[in-house]
Amino acid sequence: MKKVLIISYYWPPAGGPGVQRWLKFVKYLPDFAIQPIVFIPKNPNYPIIDHDLEKEVSSRAQIISFPINEPYKWAHFFSKKKTQTLSSGLISQPKKQNFIEKMMLWIRGNCFIPDARIGWVNPSVNYLEKYIADKNIDTIITTGPPHSVHLIGLNLKKKINLRWIADFRDPWTSIGYHKELKLTEKSAQKHKSLEQEVLQFADDIIVTSFSTKVEFAEITSQPIHVITNGYDVEYIEKQPMDEKFTLSHIGSLLSERNPRVLWKALKELIKENEDFRHDFQLKLIGKVSQEIYDVIHEFRLQDYTQFVGYVSHKEALIQQRKSQVLLLIEIDSFQTRAIIPGKLFEYMAAERPILAIGPEDADYAKIIKETNTGVCCLYENKDKIKETLLQMYHQYKANNLKVYAMGLQYYSRKKLTEKLANIITNKRT
């Protein structure tokens, strides 16, 4: 059985979508004659904890860990709340940032390049150089963000004759929050230089979206493969549907992921349609930024909104299956068209209709259309959003709100792992 070393910062008990991808790859790789060895931090400062995910770690995987020293631990001295929200990715809009948040963002962006886990790089390289030689490993995989993990792969590649595969769960310098880090010109150039070096030294590059492949192809001539996120076949007992016409968003809602056009459409529907007003409920399940709370009150939707907060992955799957409509929101910008949220695939597997709002030509919209799992709207299209919600509501009243999906099997975790296994074993398909 071929051995492969996977280097990842996020691993159970970490919660959130960043964990799911490699937790599932590791689960299925042995089915394709590949033995996964996972290298993780021993004492990480995870912003979200989900102990239920520890039960999903494959018994066929070998896990090794090494200590990490993170600045977020001492940053609590300045502001525990701001440190927690920053490490979770919940960055306030610039005009609402106080001095402490501005200072912490500047330090994060300019003193820790590419990210706050940079201190893990050199000690890990020193440890793994001997481990790889002792265990006769010839292939490593790094997965980021945090992109400092890729620097572990880069340094090992320069020192040892091995094959290195770099997996980008998100883009690097083009991701939405990158511009919020208050980078100096010198720091911004350092990020770009490191990104370019990683892309040129890695033997194979894996990305999660079609647009990211196009973006990276302008920087490197190395092979680039698209392996999206996906859904696992998990047994969830049949759930009773919500009695209310629930519109549910599951996952973090960032400050910029805030479509005022949706809140306005909902306000108008509540005002114009008495039955809709009686039946409607908005469920926000996951971490929510202060700006979202504020806008819900601004549009007087608080009486129709249930703020559930963060739940375990299992509970998230249950909530998906109970909801009448699943809401997917992406930031309205050119850069975010490449983002395909991990929850999309679990939404599709839940077999509930999706209402997606995001930028034009978004990669996720292509998948939703191909699988016939929902409706995609742009931020400026309030009339289409209202029309879609009203149509779904009438189907709900007629007990006929259903999805007739196509081609979901191509996004199963096991099928996607087969693609990964072909890359690891250098089979071109």
Protein backbone atom coordinates (compact mmCIF):
# COMPACT_ATOMS: atom_id res chain seq x y z
CA MET A 1 0.00 0.00 0.00
CA LYS A 2 1.41 3.39 -1.02
CA LYS A 3 2.03 5.79 1.87
CA VAL A 4 1.24 9.49 1.59
CA LEU A 5 1.91 12.17 4.22
CA ILE A 6 -0.88 14.77 4.53
CA ILE A 7 0.01 18.01 6.32
CA SER A 8 -3.02 19.89 7.64
CA TYR A 9 -3.62 22.51 10.31
CA TYR A 10 -7.35 21.79 10.66
CA TRP A 11 -8.34 18.42 12.07
CA PRO A 12 -10.92 17.21 14.61
CA PRO A 13 -11.84 18.46 17.15
CA ALA A 14 -11.73 21.55 14.93
CA GLY A 15 -15.17 22.34 13.56
CA GLY A 16 -16.25 24.11 10.41
CA PRO A 17 -16.03 23.34 6.69
CA GLY A 18 -12.22 23.42 6.53
CA VAL A 19 -12.06 20.09 8.36
CA GLN A 20 -14.49 18.10 6.25
CA ARG A 21 -12.50 17.86 3.02
CA TRP A 22 -9.47 15.95 4.30
CA LEU A 23 -11.34 14.11 7.04
CA LYS A 24 -13.31 12.43 4.24
CA PHE A 25 -10.39 11.98 1.84
CA VAL A 26 -8.51 10.21 4.62
CA LYS A 27 -11.56 8.02 5.28
CA TYR A 28 -11.64 6.67 1.71
CA LEU A 29 -8.00 6.71 0.55
CA PRO A 30 -7.31 3.18 1.90
CA ASP A 31 -10.05 1.91 -0.44
CA PHE A 32 -7.70 2.90 -3.28
CA ALA A 33 -4.60 1.23 -1.79
CA ILE A 34 -3.22 4.44 -0.26
CA GLN A 35 -2.21 4.65 3.41
CA PRO A 36 -2.80 8.18 4.76
CA ILE A 37 -0.48 9.54 7.45
CA VAL A 38 -1.83 12.85 8.78
CA PHE A 39 0.48 15.44 10.34
CA ILE A 40 -1.38 17.98 12.53
CA PRO A 41 -0.60 20.50 15.30
CA LYS A 42 -0.54 19.08 18.83
CA ASN A 43 -1.94 22.10 20.69
CA PRO A 44 -3.80 24.26 18.15
CA ASN A 45 -5.99 27.27 18.88
CA TYR A 46 -9.05 26.31 16.85
CA PRO A 47 -11.76 29.01 16.68
CA ILE A 48 -14.54 26.39 16.43
CA ILE A 49 -14.69 23.04 18.24
CA ASP A 50 -16.87 20.08 17.23
CA HIS A 51 -16.06 16.97 19.28
CA ASP A 52 -18.56 14.92 17.26
CA LEU A 53 -16.12 15.01 14.34
CA GLU A 54 -13.54 13.10 16.39
CA LYS A 55 -15.81 10.06 16.05
CA GLU A 56 -15.46 10.29 12.26
CA VAL A 57 -11.67 10.00 12.15
CA SER A 58 -10.86 6.81 10.25
CA SER A 59 -9.28 3.98 12.24
CA ARG A 60 -7.27 3.20 9.09
CA ALA A 61 -5.42 6.53 9.25
CA GLN A 62 -2.21 7.17 11.14
CA ILE A 63 -2.15 10.50 12.96
CA ILE A 64 1.04 12.22 14.11
CA SER A 65 1.21 15.62 15.79
CA PHE A 66 3.78 18.27 16.56
CA PRO A 67 3.54 21.33 18.86
CA ILE A 68 2.58 24.72 17.50
CA ASN A 69 3.03 28.14 19.09
CA GLU A 70 0.30 30.52 17.96
CA PRO A 71 0.08 34.29 18.49
CA TYR A 72 -3.70 34.11 18.95
CA LYS A 73 -3.06 32.79 22.45
CA TRP A 74 -1.23 35.90 23.64
CA ALA A 75 -3.44 38.16 21.50
CA HIS A 76 -6.26 37.42 23.98
CA PHE A 77 -4.46 39.88 26.24
CA PHE A 78 -5.71 42.73 24.02
CA SER A 79 -9.22 41.46 23.34
CA LYS A 80 -10.43 37.90 23.72
CA LYS A 81 -13.63 38.58 21.76
CA LYS A 82 -11.86 40.31 18.85
CA THR A 83 -9.23 37.57 18.72
CA GLN A 84 -11.92 34.90 18.53
CA THR A 85 -13.88 36.66 15.78
CA LEU A 86 -10.74 37.44 13.78
CA SER A 87 -9.50 33.84 13.90
CA SER A 88 -12.99 32.74 12.82
CA GLY A 89 -12.88 35.03 9.79
CA LEU A 90 -15.59 37.38 11.06
CA ILE A 91 -13.96 40.70 10.12
CA SER A 92 -16.04 43.82 10.71
CA GLN A 93 -16.60 46.35 7.95
CA PRO A 94 -13.77 48.95 7.95
CA LYS A 95 -15.96 51.83 9.11
CA LYS A 96 -17.10 49.80 12.14
CA GLN A 97 -13.66 48.62 13.25
CA ASN A 98 -12.34 50.03 16.50
CA PHE A 99 -8.69 50.79 17.14
CA ILE A 100 -7.93 47.35 18.63
CA GLU A 101 -9.41 45.49 15.67
CA LYS A 102 -7.57 47.71 13.19
CA MET A 103 -4.32 47.14 15.08
CA MET A 104 -4.81 43.38 15.23
CA LEU A 105 -5.61 43.21 11.51
CA TRP A 106 -2.48 45.22 10.67
CA ILE A 107 -0.32 42.95 12.85
CA ARG A 108 -1.94 39.83 11.39
CA GLY A 109 -1.39 41.01 7.82
CA ASN A 110 2.10 42.47 8.07
CA CYS A 111 3.89 40.64 10.89
CA PHE A 112 2.68 37.11 10.20
CA ILE A 113 3.11 36.33 6.50
CA PRO A 114 1.34 34.41 5.10
CA ASP A 115 -0.64 33.87 8.31
CA ALA A 116 -0.49 33.47 12.07
CA ARG A 117 0.65 29.82 11.83
CA ILE A 118 4.00 30.72 10.26
CA GLY A 119 5.79 29.72 13.49
CA TRP A 120 4.86 26.08 12.84
CA VAL A 121 6.79 25.92 9.56
CA ASN A 122 10.47 25.55 10.48
CA PRO A 123 10.00 23.19 13.48
CA SER A 124 7.69 21.00 11.38
CA VAL A 125 10.16 20.89 8.48
CA ASN A 126 12.98 19.82 10.82
CA TYR A 127 10.83 17.09 12.36
CA LEU A 128 9.35 15.81 9.09
CA GLU A 129 12.64 15.68 7.21
CA LYS A 130 13.81 12.85 9.45
CA TYR A 131 10.35 11.26 9.72
CA ILE A 132 9.97 11.07 5.92
CA ALA A 133 13.37 9.44 5.55
CA ASP A 134 12.73 6.94 8.36
CA LYS A 135 9.31 5.92 7.01
CA ASN A 136 10.39 5.86 3.36
CA ILE A 137 7.68 8.32 2.23
CA ASP A 138 7.94 9.72 -1.29
CA THR A 139 4.72 11.77 -1.57
CA ILE A 140 3.42 14.61 0.61
CA ILE A 141 0.27 16.71 0.40
CA THR A 142 -0.23 20.13 1.99
CA THR A 143 -3.67 21.67 2.36
CA GLY A 144 -4.36 25.34 3.01
CA PRO A 145 -5.45 27.72 4.27
CA PRO A 146 -3.62 28.44 6.44
CA HIS A 147 -1.18 28.83 3.55
CA SER A 148 1.80 28.58 5.90
CA VAL A 149 1.15 24.83 5.65
CA HIS A 150 2.22 25.07 2.00
CA LEU A 151 5.52 26.58 3.13
CA ILE A 152 6.19 23.34 5.01
CA GLY A 153 5.78 21.52 1.70
CA LEU A 154 7.89 24.09 -0.14
CA ASN A 155 10.81 23.77 2.29
CA LEU A 156 10.65 19.97 2.32
CA LYS A 157 10.57 19.94 -1.49
CA LYS A 158 13.76 22.00 -1.57
CA LYS A 159 15.51 19.68 0.89
CA ILE A 160 14.30 16.21 -0.11
CA ASN A 161 13.67 14.39 -3.37
CA LEU A 162 9.92 13.85 -3.02
CA ARG A 163 6.64 14.50 -4.81
CA TRP A 164 4.60 17.38 -3.45
CA ILE A 165 0.90 18.00 -4.07
CA ALA A 166 -0.50 21.36 -2.90
CA ASP A 167 -4.25 21.48 -2.20
CA PHE A 168 -5.88 24.92 -2.12
CA ARG A 169 -9.24 24.79 -0.37
CA ASP A 170 -9.44 28.57 -0.99
CA PRO A 171 -7.46 30.97 -3.17
CA TRP A 172 -4.52 32.83 -1.59
CA THR A 173 -4.02 36.48 -2.56
CA SER A 174 -7.35 36.82 -4.37
CA ILE A 175 -9.60 35.65 -1.54
CA GLY A 176 -12.10 38.24 -0.31
CA TYR A 177 -10.70 38.93 3.15
CA HIS A 178 -7.11 39.36 1.92
CA LYS A 179 -7.70 43.03 1.10
CA GLU A 180 -8.99 43.61 4.64
CA LEU A 181 -5.61 42.80 6.23
CA LYS A 182 -4.28 46.37 5.83
CA LEU A 183 -1.20 45.15 3.98
CA THR A 184 1.69 47.43 3.20
CA GLU A 185 2.97 47.34 -0.38
CA LYS A 186 5.95 45.29 0.79
CA SER A 187 3.75 42.78 2.64
CA ALA A 188 1.37 42.41 -0.32
CA GLN A 189 4.32 41.67 -2.59
CA LYS A 190 5.65 39.10 -0.09
CA HIS A 191 2.32 37.26 -0.20
CA LYS A 192 2.39 37.21 -4.01
CA SER A 193 5.99 36.01 -4.09
CA LEU A 194 5.28 33.14 -1.70
CA GLU A 195 2.14 32.19 -3.62
CA GLN A 196 4.07 32.13 -6.90
CA GLU A 197 6.90 30.07 -5.38
CA VAL A 198 4.50 27.46 -4.00
CA LEU A 199 2.67 27.20 -7.32
CA GLN A 200 5.88 26.78 -9.27
CA PHE A 201 7.58 24.24 -6.97
CA ALA A 202 4.61 21.94 -6.28
CA ASP A 203 4.50 18.95 -8.63
CA ASP A 204 0.70 18.98 -8.76
CA ILE A 205 -1.83 21.57 -7.63
CA ILE A 206 -5.39 20.81 -6.57
CA VAL A 207 -8.07 23.51 -6.39
CA THR A 208 -11.73 23.42 -5.46
CA SER A 209 -13.14 25.61 -8.24
CA PHE A 210 -12.88 26.17 -11.97
CA SER A 211 -12.08 29.88 -11.71
CA THR A 212 -9.20 29.24 -9.29
CA LYS A 213 -7.72 26.87 -11.86
CA VAL A 214 -7.86 29.61 -14.49
CA GLU A 215 -6.32 32.11 -12.05
CA PHE A 216 -3.45 29.82 -11.07
CA ALA A 217 -2.80 28.77 -14.66
CA GLU A 218 -1.62 32.33 -15.29
CA ILE A 219 1.04 31.92 -12.58
CA THR A 220 2.30 28.37 -13.12
CA SER A 221 2.69 25.73 -15.81
CA GLN A 222 2.42 22.89 -13.29
CA PRO A 223 -0.58 20.52 -13.60
CA ILE A 224 -3.72 21.91 -11.93
CA HIS A 225 -6.64 19.63 -11.04
CA VAL A 226 -10.13 20.61 -9.90
CA ILE A 227 -11.51 18.46 -7.10
CA THR A 228 -14.49 20.21 -5.57
CA ASN A 229 -15.75 19.59 -2.08
CA GLY A 230 -18.56 17.10 -1.80
CA TYR A 231 -21.02 15.24 0.40
CA ASP A 232 -20.66 12.01 2.29
CA VAL A 233 -23.26 9.27 2.46
CA GLU A 234 -24.14 9.67 6.12
CA TYR A 235 -27.08 8.04 7.83
CA ILE A 236 -29.42 10.64 9.26
CA GLU A 237 -32.80 9.51 10.54
CA LYS A 238 -35.70 10.86 8.53
CA GLN A 239 -36.56 14.27 9.90
CA PRO A 240 -39.97 15.89 10.20
CA MET A 241 -40.07 19.01 8.06
CA ASP A 242 -40.31 22.40 9.74
CA GLU A 243 -43.95 23.42 9.99
CA LYS A 244 -43.03 27.00 9.17
CA PHE A 245 -41.84 28.08 5.73
CA THR A 246 -38.24 28.13 6.92
CA LEU A 247 -35.48 29.80 4.94
CA SER A 248 -32.28 28.50 6.57
CA HIS A 249 -28.69 29.60 6.23
CA ILE A 250 -26.22 27.13 7.74
CA GLY A 251 -22.66 28.32 8.29
CA SER A 252 -20.87 31.57 9.12
CA LEU A 253 -22.39 34.83 7.90
CA LEU A 254 -19.58 37.34 7.40
CA SER A 255 -20.00 41.11 7.39
CA GLU A 256 -19.74 41.35 3.60
CA ARG A 257 -21.98 38.31 3.06
CA ASN A 258 -24.94 40.54 3.71
CA PRO A 259 -27.41 40.88 0.80
CA ARG A 260 -29.61 43.85 1.63
CA VAL A 261 -31.61 42.96 -1.47
CA LEU A 262 -32.73 39.74 0.25
CA TRP A 263 -33.68 41.45 3.51
CA LYS A 264 -35.64 44.04 1.54
CA ALA A 265 -37.41 41.35 -0.48
CA LEU A 266 -38.38 39.52 2.70
CA LYS A 267 -39.63 42.72 4.32
CA GLU A 268 -41.82 43.45 1.29
CA LEU A 269 -43.22 39.90 1.15
CA ILE A 270 -44.08 40.04 4.86
CA LYS A 271 -45.83 43.38 4.36
CA GLU A 272 -47.67 42.43 1.16
CA ASN A 273 -48.72 38.83 1.87
CA GLU A 274 -50.55 38.02 5.09
CA ASP A 275 -50.22 34.23 4.67
CA PHE A 276 -46.49 34.53 4.02
CA ARG A 277 -46.16 36.73 7.11
CA HIS A 278 -47.86 34.09 9.22
CA ASP A 279 -45.87 31.13 7.88
CA PHE A 280 -42.37 32.56 7.34
CA GLN A 281 -39.31 31.97 9.50
CA LEU A 282 -35.64 32.81 8.86
CA LYS A 283 -33.15 30.48 10.56
CA LEU A 284 -29.50 31.54 10.86
CA ILE A 285 -27.48 28.55 12.02
CA GLY A 286 -23.81 29.27 12.67
CA LYS A 287 -21.65 32.23 13.66
CA VAL A 288 -23.16 35.55 12.64
CA SER A 289 -21.34 38.89 12.44
CA GLN A 290 -22.66 41.97 14.24
CA GLU A 291 -23.53 43.58 10.89
CA ILE A 292 -26.00 40.77 10.18
CA TYR A 293 -27.71 41.28 13.54
CA ASP A 294 -27.90 45.00 12.84
CA VAL A 295 -29.41 44.66 9.36
CA ILE A 296 -32.00 42.12 10.56
CA HIS A 297 -33.20 44.73 13.04
CA GLU A 298 -32.96 47.51 10.47
CA PHE A 299 -35.43 45.66 8.22
CA ARG A 300 -37.56 44.64 11.23
CA LEU A 301 -37.07 40.94 10.60
CA GLN A 302 -36.05 40.06 14.16
CA ASP A 303 -39.51 38.70 15.06
CA TYR A 304 -39.24 36.25 12.15
CA THR A 305 -35.62 35.26 12.74
CA GLN A 306 -34.20 32.43 14.83
CA PHE A 307 -30.50 32.85 15.67
CA VAL A 308 -29.45 29.28 16.38
CA GLY A 309 -25.68 29.80 16.65
CA TYR A 310 -22.99 27.22 15.93
CA VAL A 311 -24.10 23.57 15.94
CA SER A 312 -22.25 20.29 15.44
CA HIS A 313 -21.83 18.94 11.93
CA LYS A 314 -24.39 16.23 12.62
CA GLU A 315 -26.92 18.78 13.83
CA ALA A 316 -26.20 20.90 10.74
CA LEU A 317 -27.10 17.93 8.54
CA ILE A 318 -30.34 17.47 10.48
CA GLN A 319 -31.23 21.16 10.13
CA GLN A 320 -30.60 20.98 6.39
CA ARG A 321 -33.08 18.14 6.00
CA LYS A 322 -35.72 19.84 8.17
CA SER A 323 -35.66 23.20 6.40
CA GLN A 324 -38.07 24.10 3.65
CA VAL A 325 -35.52 26.18 1.67
CA LEU A 326 -31.75 26.39 2.06
CA LEU A 327 -30.07 29.76 1.66
CA LEU A 328 -26.61 30.11 0.14
CA ILE A 329 -24.99 33.56 0.18
CA GLU A 330 -21.64 34.60 -1.26
CA ILE A 331 -19.95 37.99 -1.21
CA ASP A 332 -20.81 40.10 -4.24
CA SER A 333 -17.39 40.62 -5.80
CA PHE A 334 -15.40 39.48 -8.82
CA GLN A 335 -12.92 37.63 -6.60
CA THR A 336 -15.54 35.49 -4.86
CA ARG A 337 -16.93 34.00 -8.07
CA ALA A 338 -14.33 31.23 -7.54
CA ILE A 339 -15.64 30.30 -4.08
CA ILE A 340 -17.78 27.16 -4.00
CA PRO A 341 -18.95 26.89 -0.38
CA GLY A 342 -18.51 23.42 1.09
CA LYS A 343 -22.07 23.50 2.39
CA LEU A 344 -23.40 23.58 -1.18
CA PHE A 345 -22.79 19.85 -1.63
CA GLU A 346 -24.45 18.93 1.65
CA TYR A 347 -27.33 21.22 0.71
CA MET A 348 -27.68 19.28 -2.55
CA ALA A 349 -27.59 15.94 -0.73
CA ALA A 350 -30.29 17.16 1.69
CA GLU A 351 -32.66 17.34 -1.30
CA ARG A 352 -34.13 20.67 -0.28
CA PRO A 353 -34.40 23.57 -2.78
CA ILE A 354 -31.56 26.09 -2.69
CA LEU A 355 -31.87 29.84 -3.06
CA ALA A 356 -28.40 31.16 -3.90
CA ILE A 357 -27.43 34.84 -3.98
CA GLY A 358 -24.00 35.89 -5.17
CA PRO A 359 -21.82 37.41 -7.89
CA GLU A 360 -22.29 37.05 -11.62
CA ASP A 361 -20.69 33.97 -13.25
CA ALA A 362 -20.15 32.28 -9.87
CA ASP A 363 -18.74 28.75 -10.10
CA TYR A 364 -21.30 27.43 -7.62
CA ALA A 365 -24.11 28.61 -9.93
CA LYS A 366 -22.85 26.28 -12.65
CA ILE A 367 -23.12 23.31 -10.28
CA ILE A 368 -26.58 24.29 -9.02
CA LYS A 369 -27.88 24.59 -12.58
CA GLU A 370 -26.28 21.33 -13.76
CA THR A 371 -27.72 19.38 -10.81
CA ASN A 372 -31.13 21.11 -10.91
CA THR A 373 -30.98 21.78 -7.17
CA GLY A 374 -32.01 25.41 -6.88
CA VAL A 375 -32.25 28.95 -8.18
CA CYS A 376 -29.37 31.46 -8.45
CA CYS A 377 -29.92 35.21 -8.14
CA LEU A 378 -27.69 38.26 -8.37
CA TYR A 379 -27.51 40.93 -5.66
CA GLU A 380 -29.26 43.52 -7.82
CA ASN A 381 -32.19 41.25 -8.75
CA LYS A 382 -34.73 41.84 -6.00
CA ASP A 383 -37.70 41.01 -8.22
CA LYS A 384 -36.31 37.57 -9.08
CA ILE A 385 -35.61 36.87 -5.41
CA LYS A 386 -39.18 37.81 -4.47
CA GLU A 387 -40.63 35.82 -7.36
CA THR A 388 -38.55 32.74 -6.44
CA LEU A 389 -39.46 32.90 -2.74
CA LEU A 390 -43.14 33.36 -3.55
CA GLN A 391 -43.10 30.43 -5.98
CA MET A 392 -41.40 28.22 -3.38
CA TYR A 393 -43.89 29.39 -0.77
CA HIS A 394 -46.87 28.42 -2.96
CA GLN A 395 -45.29 24.98 -3.50
CA TYR A 396 -44.85 24.67 0.27
CA LYS A 397 -48.54 25.51 0.82
CA ALA A 398 -49.47 22.88 -1.75
CA ASN A 399 -47.18 20.35 -0.02
CA ASN A 400 -45.20 20.11 -3.25
CA LEU A 401 -41.89 21.84 -2.45
CA LYS A 402 -39.43 19.27 -3.79
CA VAL A 403 -36.13 18.93 -5.65
CA TYR A 404 -35.54 16.71 -8.65
CA ALA A 405 -31.74 16.56 -8.60
CA MET A 406 -29.49 15.10 -11.31
CA GLY A 407 -25.89 13.88 -11.25
CA LEU A 408 -25.27 14.17 -7.51
CA GLN A 409 -23.17 10.98 -7.54
CA TYR A 410 -20.25 12.87 -9.13
CA TYR A 411 -19.91 14.90 -5.91
CA SER A 412 -19.87 12.03 -3.43
CA ARG A 413 -16.80 12.02 -1.18
CA LYS A 414 -15.77 8.54 -2.30
CA LYS A 415 -15.99 9.44 -6.01
CA LEU A 416 -13.91 12.57 -5.39
CA THR A 417 -11.36 10.55 -3.41
CA GLU A 418 -10.95 8.30 -6.44
CA LYS A 419 -9.89 11.38 -8.44
CA LEU A 420 -7.43 12.27 -5.69
CA ALA A 421 -6.03 8.74 -5.64
CA ASN A 422 -5.39 8.93 -9.39
CA ILE A 423 -3.38 12.10 -8.87
CA ILE A 424 -1.40 10.58 -6.00
CA THR A 425 -0.54 7.51 -8.05
CA ASN A 426 0.15 9.70 -11.10
CA LYS A 427 -2.65 8.17 -13.18
CA ARG A 428 -3.90 10.67 -15.74
CA THR A 429 -7.64 10.45 -16.31
